[in-house]
């Protein structure tokens, strides 16, 4: 039964914290989360992210909730390691970190391992026909970075390697 008190409470806007902690939000998150994650933990991690980044409280509740739901659909916690909640003005934006992308790739069942490394001036580096030979002498300074590469090993043991120059890495950094 709807008493005058509950009618008033229903009209009072909830804080973002109350919305995220509410049973309805937890139920919606639980529907999307993979079996290894609980809605309670997911919400706690999200609330911690908001405490660590106070400007998130200035974002519209809808944008924060949407980012949290997107995180839950991906099965990633917004922990600042794999996924980040970033305030842009009053809009929260979800940024999936490379560690989150690697986790999703491994979870797909096709990827066994991902390895990435920077190449510096004093390293021995060769890239030929998609094969990398990289040696690092840790007894001396490596020098400035001039390239980076990543190798993905698939479950069928095939590998794929991509190499980028420092200029290509910097161009991507400027766009993000």
N, C-alpha and C. Protein backbone atom coordinates (compact mmCIF):
# COMPACT_ATOMS: atom_id res chain seq x y z
N UNK A 1 0.84 -1.18 0.00
CA UNK A 1 0.00 0.00 0.00
C UNK A 1 0.88 1.24 0.00
N UNK A 2 0.49 2.24 -0.75
CA UNK A 2 1.26 3.45 -0.90
C UNK A 2 0.82 4.49 0.13
N UNK A 3 1.57 4.65 1.20
CA UNK A 3 1.25 5.63 2.23
C UNK A 3 1.77 6.99 1.80
N UNK A 4 1.27 8.09 2.40
CA UNK A 4 1.79 9.42 2.05
C UNK A 4 3.31 9.51 2.25
N UNK A 5 3.86 8.82 3.25
CA UNK A 5 5.30 8.85 3.51
C UNK A 5 6.08 8.23 2.34
N UNK A 6 5.63 7.06 1.85
CA UNK A 6 6.35 6.43 0.74
C UNK A 6 6.17 7.22 -0.55
N UNK A 7 5.05 7.91 -0.72
CA UNK A 7 4.86 8.76 -1.89
C UNK A 7 5.89 9.89 -1.88
N UNK A 8 6.10 10.47 -0.73
CA UNK A 8 7.10 11.55 -0.60
C UNK A 8 8.49 10.98 -0.86
N UNK A 9 8.81 9.82 -0.28
CA UNK A 9 10.13 9.22 -0.47
C UNK A 9 10.37 8.89 -1.94
N UNK A 10 9.36 8.45 -2.65
CA UNK A 10 9.52 8.12 -4.07
C UNK A 10 9.82 9.35 -4.92
N UNK A 11 9.40 10.53 -4.46
CA UNK A 11 9.64 11.75 -5.23
C UNK A 11 10.97 12.40 -4.89
N UNK A 12 11.56 12.03 -3.76
CA UNK A 12 12.84 12.63 -3.35
C UNK A 12 13.95 11.97 -4.17
N UNK A 13 14.73 12.79 -4.90
CA UNK A 13 15.80 12.19 -5.71
C UNK A 13 16.83 11.49 -4.83
N UNK A 14 17.23 10.33 -5.25
CA UNK A 14 18.24 9.59 -4.50
C UNK A 14 19.63 10.06 -4.90
N UNK A 15 20.56 9.95 -3.98
CA UNK A 15 21.94 10.24 -4.32
C UNK A 15 22.46 9.11 -5.20
N UNK A 16 23.54 9.37 -5.90
CA UNK A 16 24.14 8.35 -6.74
C UNK A 16 24.52 7.13 -5.91
N UNK A 17 25.07 7.38 -4.75
CA UNK A 17 25.45 6.28 -3.85
C UNK A 17 24.25 5.41 -3.50
N UNK A 18 23.12 6.06 -3.19
CA UNK A 18 21.91 5.31 -2.85
C UNK A 18 21.41 4.51 -4.06
N UNK A 19 21.47 5.11 -5.24
CA UNK A 19 21.02 4.41 -6.44
C UNK A 19 21.86 3.17 -6.70
N UNK A 20 23.19 3.33 -6.60
CA UNK A 20 24.09 2.21 -6.86
C UNK A 20 23.99 1.12 -5.80
N UNK A 21 23.68 1.51 -4.57
CA UNK A 21 23.57 0.55 -3.48
C UNK A 21 22.20 -0.11 -3.41
N UNK A 22 21.27 0.39 -4.18
CA UNK A 22 19.90 -0.11 -4.11
C UNK A 22 19.73 -1.51 -4.68
N UNK A 23 18.70 -2.18 -4.21
CA UNK A 23 18.43 -3.55 -4.65
C UNK A 23 18.16 -3.64 -6.15
N UNK A 24 17.44 -2.67 -6.72
CA UNK A 24 17.11 -2.72 -8.14
C UNK A 24 18.38 -2.71 -8.99
N UNK A 25 19.31 -1.79 -8.67
CA UNK A 25 20.55 -1.71 -9.44
C UNK A 25 21.35 -3.01 -9.30
N UNK A 26 21.44 -3.52 -8.08
CA UNK A 26 22.18 -4.78 -7.87
C UNK A 26 21.57 -5.92 -8.67
N UNK A 27 20.24 -5.96 -8.75
CA UNK A 27 19.58 -7.00 -9.53
C UNK A 27 19.92 -6.88 -11.01
N UNK A 28 19.93 -5.65 -11.52
CA UNK A 28 20.24 -5.43 -12.93
C UNK A 28 21.69 -5.81 -13.23
N UNK A 29 22.59 -5.46 -12.33
CA UNK A 29 24.01 -5.81 -12.49
C UNK A 29 24.18 -7.32 -12.44
N UNK A 30 23.51 -7.96 -11.51
CA UNK A 30 23.64 -9.42 -11.35
C UNK A 30 23.21 -10.16 -12.61
N UNK A 31 22.24 -9.62 -13.34
CA UNK A 31 21.78 -10.26 -14.57
C UNK A 31 22.87 -10.29 -15.64
N UNK A 32 23.76 -9.30 -15.61
CA UNK A 32 24.79 -9.19 -16.65
C UNK A 32 26.14 -9.78 -16.24
N UNK A 33 26.40 -9.84 -14.94
CA UNK A 33 27.72 -10.28 -14.48
C UNK A 33 27.98 -11.75 -14.79
N UNK A 34 29.25 -12.08 -15.08
CA UNK A 34 29.61 -13.49 -15.22
C UNK A 34 29.49 -14.18 -13.86
N UNK A 35 29.45 -15.49 -13.87
CA UNK A 35 29.20 -16.25 -12.64
C UNK A 35 30.29 -16.07 -11.57
N UNK A 36 31.51 -15.72 -11.97
CA UNK A 36 32.59 -15.59 -11.00
C UNK A 36 32.56 -14.26 -10.24
N UNK A 37 31.61 -13.36 -10.56
CA UNK A 37 31.54 -12.07 -9.90
C UNK A 37 30.19 -11.93 -9.19
N UNK A 38 30.22 -11.26 -8.03
CA UNK A 38 28.97 -11.01 -7.31
C UNK A 38 28.57 -9.55 -7.47
N UNK A 39 27.28 -9.31 -7.44
CA UNK A 39 26.77 -7.94 -7.57
C UNK A 39 27.21 -7.08 -6.39
N UNK A 40 27.23 -7.64 -5.18
CA UNK A 40 27.64 -6.86 -4.00
C UNK A 40 29.08 -6.37 -4.15
N UNK A 41 29.97 -7.25 -4.54
CA UNK A 41 31.38 -6.84 -4.71
C UNK A 41 31.50 -5.82 -5.83
N UNK A 42 30.82 -6.07 -6.94
CA UNK A 42 30.88 -5.16 -8.08
C UNK A 42 30.45 -3.75 -7.66
N UNK A 43 29.34 -3.65 -6.93
CA UNK A 43 28.84 -2.35 -6.49
C UNK A 43 29.83 -1.70 -5.52
N UNK A 44 30.41 -2.49 -4.62
CA UNK A 44 31.41 -1.95 -3.68
C UNK A 44 32.60 -1.38 -4.43
N UNK A 45 33.07 -2.08 -5.46
CA UNK A 45 34.21 -1.60 -6.25
C UNK A 45 33.82 -0.30 -6.96
N UNK A 46 32.61 -0.24 -7.49
CA UNK A 46 32.14 0.98 -8.14
C UNK A 46 32.05 2.15 -7.19
N UNK A 47 31.53 1.91 -5.99
CA UNK A 47 31.44 2.98 -4.98
C UNK A 47 32.83 3.44 -4.57
N UNK A 48 33.77 2.52 -4.47
CA UNK A 48 35.15 2.90 -4.15
C UNK A 48 35.74 3.77 -5.25
N UNK A 49 35.46 3.44 -6.51
CA UNK A 49 35.95 4.26 -7.64
C UNK A 49 35.41 5.68 -7.54
N UNK A 50 34.16 5.81 -7.12
CA UNK A 50 33.57 7.13 -6.98
C UNK A 50 34.21 7.90 -5.83
N UNK A 51 34.54 7.20 -4.75
CA UNK A 51 35.24 7.85 -3.63
C UNK A 51 36.64 8.29 -4.03
N UNK A 52 37.32 7.48 -4.85
CA UNK A 52 38.69 7.81 -5.27
C UNK A 52 38.72 8.95 -6.29
N UNK A 53 37.64 9.11 -7.04
CA UNK A 53 37.55 10.17 -8.05
C UNK A 53 36.32 11.02 -7.74
N UNK A 54 36.46 11.99 -6.84
CA UNK A 54 35.31 12.76 -6.38
C UNK A 54 34.55 13.48 -7.51
N UNK A 55 35.21 13.80 -8.62
CA UNK A 55 34.52 14.48 -9.72
C UNK A 55 33.44 13.60 -10.36
N UNK A 56 33.49 12.29 -10.11
CA UNK A 56 32.44 11.41 -10.61
C UNK A 56 31.09 11.76 -9.99
N UNK A 57 31.12 12.30 -8.78
CA UNK A 57 29.87 12.69 -8.12
C UNK A 57 29.20 13.85 -8.84
N UNK A 58 29.98 14.62 -9.64
CA UNK A 58 29.42 15.73 -10.42
C UNK A 58 28.82 15.25 -11.74
N UNK A 59 29.06 14.00 -12.10
CA UNK A 59 28.52 13.45 -13.35
C UNK A 59 27.04 13.13 -13.18
N UNK A 60 26.34 13.11 -14.29
CA UNK A 60 24.93 12.74 -14.21
C UNK A 60 24.83 11.31 -13.71
N UNK A 61 23.88 11.05 -12.82
CA UNK A 61 23.72 9.67 -12.33
C UNK A 61 23.48 8.68 -13.48
N UNK A 62 22.76 9.13 -14.51
CA UNK A 62 22.48 8.24 -15.65
C UNK A 62 23.77 7.80 -16.34
N UNK A 63 24.73 8.72 -16.50
CA UNK A 63 25.97 8.35 -17.19
C UNK A 63 26.81 7.41 -16.33
N UNK A 64 26.83 7.62 -15.02
CA UNK A 64 27.58 6.72 -14.13
C UNK A 64 26.94 5.34 -14.13
N UNK A 65 25.63 5.30 -14.01
CA UNK A 65 24.92 4.02 -14.00
C UNK A 65 25.11 3.28 -15.32
N UNK A 66 25.05 4.02 -16.43
CA UNK A 66 25.26 3.39 -17.74
C UNK A 66 26.66 2.78 -17.84
N UNK A 67 27.68 3.50 -17.36
CA UNK A 67 29.04 2.97 -17.38
C UNK A 67 29.17 1.73 -16.50
N UNK A 68 28.53 1.78 -15.34
CA UNK A 68 28.57 0.62 -14.44
C UNK A 68 27.88 -0.59 -15.09
N UNK A 69 26.74 -0.36 -15.74
CA UNK A 69 26.06 -1.46 -16.42
C UNK A 69 26.89 -2.00 -17.58
N UNK A 70 27.57 -1.11 -18.30
CA UNK A 70 28.46 -1.56 -19.39
C UNK A 70 29.60 -2.40 -18.83
N UNK A 71 30.16 -1.97 -17.69
CA UNK A 71 31.22 -2.76 -17.04
C UNK A 71 30.70 -4.14 -16.66
N UNK A 72 29.51 -4.18 -16.10
CA UNK A 72 28.96 -5.47 -15.67
C UNK A 72 28.72 -6.37 -16.88
N UNK A 73 28.27 -5.80 -17.99
CA UNK A 73 28.05 -6.60 -19.20
C UNK A 73 29.36 -7.18 -19.72
N UNK A 74 30.46 -6.43 -19.55
CA UNK A 74 31.77 -6.93 -19.97
C UNK A 74 32.37 -7.89 -18.94
N UNK A 75 31.85 -7.85 -17.73
CA UNK A 75 32.41 -8.68 -16.67
C UNK A 75 33.70 -8.11 -16.12
N UNK A 76 33.83 -6.78 -16.18
CA UNK A 76 35.01 -6.10 -15.65
C UNK A 76 34.59 -5.18 -14.51
N UNK A 77 35.35 -5.19 -13.44
CA UNK A 77 35.09 -4.27 -12.34
C UNK A 77 35.69 -2.91 -12.68
N UNK A 78 35.03 -1.82 -12.31
CA UNK A 78 35.60 -0.49 -12.54
C UNK A 78 36.64 -0.16 -11.47
N UNK A 79 37.70 -0.96 -11.44
CA UNK A 79 38.68 -0.91 -10.36
C UNK A 79 39.87 -0.01 -10.62
N UNK A 80 39.91 0.65 -11.77
CA UNK A 80 41.06 1.50 -12.08
C UNK A 80 42.26 0.73 -12.57
N UNK A 81 42.11 -0.56 -12.76
CA UNK A 81 43.19 -1.38 -13.33
C UNK A 81 42.78 -1.92 -14.69
N UNK A 82 41.59 -2.47 -14.76
CA UNK A 82 41.09 -3.05 -16.01
C UNK A 82 40.07 -2.12 -16.68
N UNK A 83 39.31 -1.41 -15.89
CA UNK A 83 38.31 -0.48 -16.40
C UNK A 83 38.29 0.76 -15.53
N UNK A 84 38.12 1.91 -16.17
CA UNK A 84 38.17 3.19 -15.47
C UNK A 84 36.89 3.96 -15.72
N UNK A 85 36.35 4.58 -14.68
CA UNK A 85 35.25 5.52 -14.80
C UNK A 85 35.88 6.91 -14.82
N UNK A 86 35.78 7.60 -15.96
CA UNK A 86 36.45 8.89 -16.14
C UNK A 86 35.41 9.98 -16.31
N UNK A 87 35.47 11.05 -15.48
CA UNK A 87 34.53 12.16 -15.65
C UNK A 87 35.01 13.12 -16.75
N UNK A 88 34.15 13.40 -17.71
CA UNK A 88 34.38 14.43 -18.72
C UNK A 88 33.25 15.44 -18.55
N UNK A 89 33.55 16.54 -17.87
CA UNK A 89 32.49 17.48 -17.54
C UNK A 89 31.53 16.81 -16.58
N UNK A 90 30.26 16.74 -16.98
CA UNK A 90 29.28 16.08 -16.11
C UNK A 90 28.86 14.71 -16.66
N UNK A 91 29.69 14.15 -17.53
CA UNK A 91 29.39 12.84 -18.12
C UNK A 91 30.48 11.85 -17.73
N UNK A 92 30.06 10.71 -17.23
CA UNK A 92 30.99 9.63 -16.90
C UNK A 92 31.23 8.80 -18.16
N UNK A 93 32.49 8.48 -18.42
CA UNK A 93 32.86 7.68 -19.58
C UNK A 93 33.61 6.45 -19.11
N UNK A 94 33.31 5.32 -19.70
CA UNK A 94 34.01 4.08 -19.39
C UNK A 94 35.20 3.92 -20.32
N UNK A 95 36.36 3.73 -19.75
CA UNK A 95 37.56 3.45 -20.52
C UNK A 95 38.05 2.07 -20.10
N UNK A 96 38.11 1.15 -21.04
CA UNK A 96 38.63 -0.19 -20.75
C UNK A 96 40.13 -0.15 -20.99
N UNK A 97 40.90 -0.44 -19.97
CA UNK A 97 42.35 -0.45 -20.00
C UNK A 97 42.85 -1.63 -20.83
N UNK A 98 44.11 -1.58 -21.25
CA UNK A 98 44.65 -2.70 -22.03
C UNK A 98 44.60 -4.00 -21.22
N UNK A 99 44.73 -3.88 -19.88
CA UNK A 99 44.64 -5.09 -19.05
C UNK A 99 43.24 -5.68 -19.11
N UNK A 100 42.24 -4.84 -19.20
CA UNK A 100 40.87 -5.31 -19.36
C UNK A 100 40.66 -5.96 -20.72
N UNK A 101 41.25 -5.38 -21.75
CA UNK A 101 41.14 -5.96 -23.09
C UNK A 101 41.82 -7.32 -23.14
N UNK A 102 42.98 -7.43 -22.49
CA UNK A 102 43.68 -8.72 -22.44
C UNK A 102 42.83 -9.76 -21.70
N UNK A 103 42.22 -9.35 -20.59
CA UNK A 103 41.36 -10.26 -19.84
C UNK A 103 40.20 -10.75 -20.70
N UNK A 104 39.57 -9.83 -21.43
CA UNK A 104 38.46 -10.21 -22.30
C UNK A 104 38.91 -11.14 -23.41
N UNK A 105 40.10 -10.88 -23.96
CA UNK A 105 40.62 -11.74 -25.02
C UNK A 105 40.88 -13.15 -24.50
N UNK A 106 41.47 -13.24 -23.32
CA UNK A 106 41.73 -14.56 -22.74
C UNK A 106 40.43 -15.27 -22.41
N UNK A 107 39.45 -14.52 -21.93
CA UNK A 107 38.17 -15.10 -21.58
C UNK A 107 37.41 -15.62 -22.81
N UNK A 108 37.76 -15.11 -23.99
CA UNK A 108 37.08 -15.54 -25.21
C UNK A 108 37.32 -17.01 -25.52
N UNK A 109 38.42 -17.54 -24.98
CA UNK A 109 38.74 -18.94 -25.23
C UNK A 109 39.69 -19.13 -26.40
N UNK A 110 39.94 -18.07 -27.16
CA UNK A 110 40.83 -18.18 -28.32
C UNK A 110 42.27 -17.81 -27.99
N UNK A 111 42.47 -17.00 -26.96
CA UNK A 111 43.79 -16.46 -26.65
C UNK A 111 44.37 -17.14 -25.42
N UNK A 112 45.61 -17.63 -25.57
CA UNK A 112 46.29 -18.27 -24.44
C UNK A 112 47.14 -17.27 -23.67
N UNK A 113 47.80 -16.34 -24.38
CA UNK A 113 48.71 -15.42 -23.71
C UNK A 113 48.87 -14.15 -24.55
N UNK A 114 49.15 -13.05 -23.86
CA UNK A 114 49.47 -11.79 -24.51
C UNK A 114 50.73 -11.26 -23.84
N UNK A 115 51.70 -10.87 -24.66
CA UNK A 115 52.96 -10.35 -24.14
C UNK A 115 53.27 -9.06 -24.88
N UNK A 116 53.62 -8.01 -24.13
CA UNK A 116 53.97 -6.73 -24.74
C UNK A 116 55.28 -6.24 -24.12
N UNK A 117 56.05 -5.52 -24.91
CA UNK A 117 57.34 -5.03 -24.44
C UNK A 117 57.74 -3.79 -25.23
N UNK A 118 58.49 -2.91 -24.60
CA UNK A 118 59.06 -1.76 -25.31
C UNK A 118 60.46 -2.13 -25.77
N UNK A 119 60.89 -1.49 -26.85
CA UNK A 119 62.21 -1.71 -27.42
C UNK A 119 62.99 -0.42 -27.26
N UNK A 120 64.20 -0.52 -26.69
CA UNK A 120 65.02 0.65 -26.42
C UNK A 120 66.29 0.63 -27.26
N UNK A 121 66.96 1.78 -27.32
CA UNK A 121 68.13 1.97 -28.18
C UNK A 121 69.22 0.92 -27.98
N UNK A 122 69.47 0.51 -26.75
CA UNK A 122 70.56 -0.43 -26.48
C UNK A 122 70.13 -1.89 -26.44
N UNK A 123 68.88 -2.16 -26.81
CA UNK A 123 68.41 -3.55 -26.92
C UNK A 123 68.83 -4.10 -28.28
N UNK A 124 68.93 -5.40 -28.35
CA UNK A 124 69.11 -6.08 -29.64
C UNK A 124 67.71 -6.49 -30.11
N UNK A 125 67.29 -5.96 -31.28
CA UNK A 125 65.92 -6.20 -31.73
C UNK A 125 65.89 -6.47 -33.23
N UNK A 126 65.19 -7.53 -33.59
CA UNK A 126 64.95 -7.85 -34.99
C UNK A 126 63.50 -8.26 -35.15
N UNK A 127 62.88 -7.79 -36.23
CA UNK A 127 61.53 -8.20 -36.58
C UNK A 127 61.54 -8.58 -38.04
N UNK A 128 61.31 -9.85 -38.29
CA UNK A 128 61.37 -10.35 -39.66
C UNK A 128 60.24 -11.34 -39.90
N UNK A 129 59.43 -11.06 -40.91
CA UNK A 129 58.31 -11.93 -41.27
C UNK A 129 57.40 -12.25 -40.07
N UNK A 130 57.17 -11.24 -39.23
CA UNK A 130 56.28 -11.43 -38.09
C UNK A 130 56.93 -12.06 -36.87
N UNK A 131 58.19 -12.44 -36.97
CA UNK A 131 58.91 -13.04 -35.84
C UNK A 131 59.78 -11.99 -35.16
N UNK A 132 59.72 -11.96 -33.85
CA UNK A 132 60.51 -11.00 -33.07
C UNK A 132 61.65 -11.72 -32.37
N UNK A 133 62.82 -11.12 -32.43
CA UNK A 133 63.97 -11.54 -31.62
C UNK A 133 64.40 -10.31 -30.84
N UNK A 134 64.24 -10.38 -29.52
CA UNK A 134 64.50 -9.22 -28.68
C UNK A 134 65.32 -9.66 -27.49
N UNK A 135 66.48 -9.03 -27.34
CA UNK A 135 67.34 -9.30 -26.19
C UNK A 135 67.60 -8.00 -25.45
N UNK A 136 67.53 -8.08 -24.13
CA UNK A 136 67.78 -6.93 -23.27
C UNK A 136 68.97 -7.24 -22.39
N UNK A 137 69.93 -6.31 -22.36
CA UNK A 137 71.08 -6.44 -21.46
C UNK A 137 70.77 -5.60 -20.23
N UNK A 138 70.35 -6.27 -19.16
CA UNK A 138 69.96 -5.55 -17.95
C UNK A 138 71.15 -5.05 -17.15
N UNK A 139 72.35 -5.32 -17.62
CA UNK A 139 73.55 -4.83 -16.91
C UNK A 139 73.89 -3.40 -17.30
N UNK A 140 73.22 -2.87 -18.33
CA UNK A 140 73.50 -1.48 -18.72
C UNK A 140 72.17 -0.76 -19.01
N UNK A 141 72.27 0.54 -19.07
CA UNK A 141 71.10 1.36 -19.37
C UNK A 141 70.53 0.96 -20.73
N UNK A 142 69.22 0.90 -20.82
CA UNK A 142 68.59 0.48 -22.07
C UNK A 142 68.50 1.62 -23.08
N UNK A 143 68.55 2.87 -22.65
CA UNK A 143 68.42 3.99 -23.57
C UNK A 143 66.96 4.35 -23.80
N UNK A 144 66.74 5.24 -24.74
CA UNK A 144 65.39 5.73 -25.02
C UNK A 144 64.58 4.69 -25.79
N UNK A 145 63.29 4.69 -25.53
CA UNK A 145 62.37 3.79 -26.22
C UNK A 145 62.20 4.25 -27.67
N UNK A 146 62.22 3.33 -28.62
CA UNK A 146 61.98 3.71 -30.01
C UNK A 146 60.90 2.86 -30.69
N UNK A 147 60.46 1.80 -30.02
CA UNK A 147 59.40 0.96 -30.59
C UNK A 147 58.75 0.16 -29.47
N UNK A 148 57.64 -0.49 -29.80
CA UNK A 148 56.95 -1.38 -28.87
C UNK A 148 56.33 -2.50 -29.70
N UNK A 149 56.12 -3.63 -29.05
CA UNK A 149 55.47 -4.73 -29.77
C UNK A 149 54.61 -5.54 -28.81
N UNK A 150 53.69 -6.27 -29.39
CA UNK A 150 52.84 -7.17 -28.63
C UNK A 150 52.72 -8.46 -29.42
N UNK A 151 52.77 -9.57 -28.69
CA UNK A 151 52.60 -10.89 -29.31
C UNK A 151 51.44 -11.59 -28.62
N UNK A 152 50.53 -12.07 -29.43
CA UNK A 152 49.40 -12.86 -28.93
C UNK A 152 49.64 -14.30 -29.31
N UNK A 153 49.54 -15.19 -28.32
CA UNK A 153 49.62 -16.62 -28.58
C UNK A 153 48.21 -17.18 -28.44
N UNK A 154 47.75 -17.80 -29.52
CA UNK A 154 46.40 -18.37 -29.52
C UNK A 154 46.42 -19.79 -28.96
N UNK A 155 45.26 -20.30 -28.64
CA UNK A 155 45.15 -21.64 -28.05
C UNK A 155 45.70 -22.73 -28.97
N UNK A 156 45.65 -22.48 -30.30
CA UNK A 156 46.18 -23.47 -31.24
C UNK A 156 47.69 -23.31 -31.45
N UNK A 157 48.35 -22.51 -30.59
CA UNK A 157 49.80 -22.25 -30.59
C UNK A 157 50.28 -21.32 -31.69
N UNK A 158 49.40 -20.83 -32.55
CA UNK A 158 49.84 -19.84 -33.52
C UNK A 158 50.04 -18.51 -32.80
N UNK A 159 50.87 -17.67 -33.40
CA UNK A 159 51.19 -16.38 -32.79
C UNK A 159 50.97 -15.26 -33.80
N UNK A 160 50.67 -14.10 -33.27
CA UNK A 160 50.55 -12.91 -34.09
C UNK A 160 51.26 -11.78 -33.35
N UNK A 161 52.13 -11.08 -34.07
CA UNK A 161 52.91 -10.01 -33.47
C UNK A 161 52.68 -8.72 -34.25
N UNK A 162 52.58 -7.62 -33.51
CA UNK A 162 52.47 -6.31 -34.13
C UNK A 162 53.53 -5.42 -33.50
N UNK A 163 54.21 -4.65 -34.34
CA UNK A 163 55.27 -3.75 -33.89
C UNK A 163 54.86 -2.33 -34.26
N UNK A 164 55.11 -1.39 -33.35
CA UNK A 164 54.80 0.01 -33.61
C UNK A 164 56.02 0.87 -33.26
N UNK A 165 56.24 1.91 -34.04
CA UNK A 165 57.31 2.86 -33.74
C UNK A 165 56.86 3.76 -32.59
N UNK A 166 57.80 4.48 -32.01
CA UNK A 166 57.47 5.43 -30.95
C UNK A 166 56.51 6.49 -31.48
N UNK A 167 56.71 6.93 -32.72
CA UNK A 167 55.83 7.94 -33.30
C UNK A 167 54.40 7.42 -33.40
N UNK A 168 54.21 6.16 -33.76
CA UNK A 168 52.87 5.57 -33.84
C UNK A 168 52.24 5.47 -32.45
N UNK A 169 53.04 5.09 -31.46
CA UNK A 169 52.54 5.00 -30.08
C UNK A 169 52.13 6.38 -29.59
N UNK A 170 52.98 7.38 -29.84
CA UNK A 170 52.68 8.76 -29.42
C UNK A 170 51.43 9.31 -30.09
N UNK A 171 51.21 8.97 -31.35
CA UNK A 171 50.02 9.43 -32.07
C UNK A 171 48.77 8.86 -31.43
N UNK A 172 48.80 7.60 -31.04
CA UNK A 172 47.66 6.98 -30.36
C UNK A 172 47.45 7.62 -29.00
N UNK A 173 48.53 7.87 -28.29
CA UNK A 173 48.43 8.51 -26.96
C UNK A 173 47.78 9.88 -27.08
N UNK A 174 48.13 10.66 -28.09
CA UNK A 174 47.55 12.00 -28.27
C UNK A 174 46.05 11.93 -28.55
N UNK A 175 45.60 10.88 -29.24
CA UNK A 175 44.19 10.75 -29.58
C UNK A 175 43.35 10.28 -28.39
N UNK A 176 43.98 9.63 -27.41
CA UNK A 176 43.18 9.05 -26.33
C UNK A 176 43.11 9.95 -25.11
